[in-house]
Protein backbone atom coordinates (compact mmCIF):
# COMPACT_ATOMS: atom_id res chain seq x y z
CA UNK A 1 0.01 -0.01 -0.02
CA UNK A 2 1.38 3.33 -1.03
CA UNK A 3 1.24 6.19 1.42
CA UNK A 4 0.17 9.58 0.23
CA UNK A 5 2.71 12.38 0.27
CA UNK A 6 2.79 14.81 3.19
CA UNK A 7 0.41 17.71 2.48
CA UNK A 8 2.23 21.03 2.12
CA UNK A 9 1.02 24.35 3.28
CA UNK A 10 2.14 27.66 1.82
CA UNK A 11 2.77 29.97 4.70
CA UNK A 12 2.59 33.74 4.79
CA UNK A 13 6.26 34.89 4.71
CA UNK A 14 5.65 37.57 7.34
CA UNK A 15 4.27 34.93 9.78
CA UNK A 16 7.30 32.63 9.73
CA UNK A 17 9.12 31.92 12.95
CA UNK A 18 12.81 32.80 13.11
CA UNK A 19 13.65 29.11 12.59
CA UNK A 20 11.38 28.77 9.55
CA UNK A 21 12.80 31.94 8.02
CA UNK A 22 16.36 30.72 8.51
CA UNK A 23 15.48 27.46 6.76
CA UNK A 24 13.91 29.40 3.85
CA UNK A 25 17.10 31.60 3.51
CA UNK A 26 19.28 28.50 3.74
CA UNK A 27 17.26 26.79 0.96
CA UNK A 28 17.56 29.79 -1.28
CA UNK A 29 21.35 30.02 -0.68
CA UNK A 30 21.73 26.35 -1.61
CA UNK A 31 19.54 26.77 -4.72
CA UNK A 32 21.62 29.76 -5.83
CA UNK A 33 25.01 28.07 -5.09
CA UNK A 34 24.41 24.83 -6.91
CA UNK A 35 23.62 23.93 -10.47
CA UNK A 36 20.61 21.79 -11.13
CA UNK A 37 22.79 18.74 -11.77
CA UNK A 38 24.82 19.29 -8.57
CA UNK A 39 21.65 19.78 -6.55
CA UNK A 40 20.01 16.66 -7.94
CA UNK A 41 23.03 14.53 -7.02
CA UNK A 42 22.86 15.84 -3.47
CA UNK A 43 19.10 16.45 -2.82
CA UNK A 44 17.28 14.25 -5.41
CA UNK A 45 15.53 14.63 -8.76
CA UNK A 46 13.17 17.40 -7.75
CA UNK A 47 15.95 19.90 -7.11
CA UNK A 48 16.03 22.87 -9.45
CA UNK A 49 18.65 25.65 -9.15
CA UNK A 50 17.50 29.21 -8.51
CA UNK A 51 18.92 30.33 -11.81
CA UNK A 52 16.99 27.53 -13.72
CA UNK A 53 13.77 28.53 -11.98
CA UNK A 54 14.27 32.19 -12.99
CA UNK A 55 14.95 31.18 -16.60
CA UNK A 56 11.92 28.94 -16.76
CA UNK A 57 9.75 31.75 -15.32
CA UNK A 58 11.12 34.33 -17.73
CA UNK A 59 10.61 32.08 -20.75
CA UNK A 60 6.98 31.44 -19.79
CA UNK A 61 6.22 35.07 -18.87
CA UNK A 62 7.84 36.40 -22.07
CA UNK A 63 6.50 33.82 -24.44
CA UNK A 64 5.59 35.07 -27.96
CA UNK A 65 2.08 33.60 -27.61
CA UNK A 66 1.55 35.72 -24.47
CA UNK A 67 2.31 35.32 -20.79
CA UNK A 68 2.09 31.60 -20.10
CA UNK A 69 2.76 31.92 -16.30
CA UNK A 70 0.25 34.47 -15.19
CA UNK A 71 -3.30 35.75 -15.97
CA UNK A 72 -4.97 32.42 -16.22
CA UNK A 73 -5.85 29.10 -14.59
CA UNK A 74 -2.25 27.94 -14.92
CA UNK A 75 -0.98 30.49 -12.26
CA UNK A 76 -1.23 28.23 -9.18
CA UNK A 77 0.26 25.19 -10.95
CA UNK A 78 3.13 27.20 -12.53
CA UNK A 79 3.94 28.83 -9.18
CA UNK A 80 3.99 25.66 -7.22
CA UNK A 81 6.48 25.02 -4.42
CA UNK A 82 9.55 23.30 -5.89
CA UNK A 83 10.80 20.52 -3.55
CA UNK A 84 14.20 21.69 -2.71
CA UNK A 85 13.52 22.99 0.83
């Protein structure tokens, strides 16, 4: 029997405890310091570097067909939490 993944909750950034905030900062520092390949070797296949996330976002937002990341039903899916924290 497969267990379901732990449900994630997106928290308001201004309501984070000092410990939670330090974990967020650490995760961003790691995501910025490592390439996607390095991060995946260390943290698993879901890791995406900060720079790769920015590029993906820019490509979608600046798409010739129109903004593919905002202004539609795709917004919550496109802006999901990436599992590197």
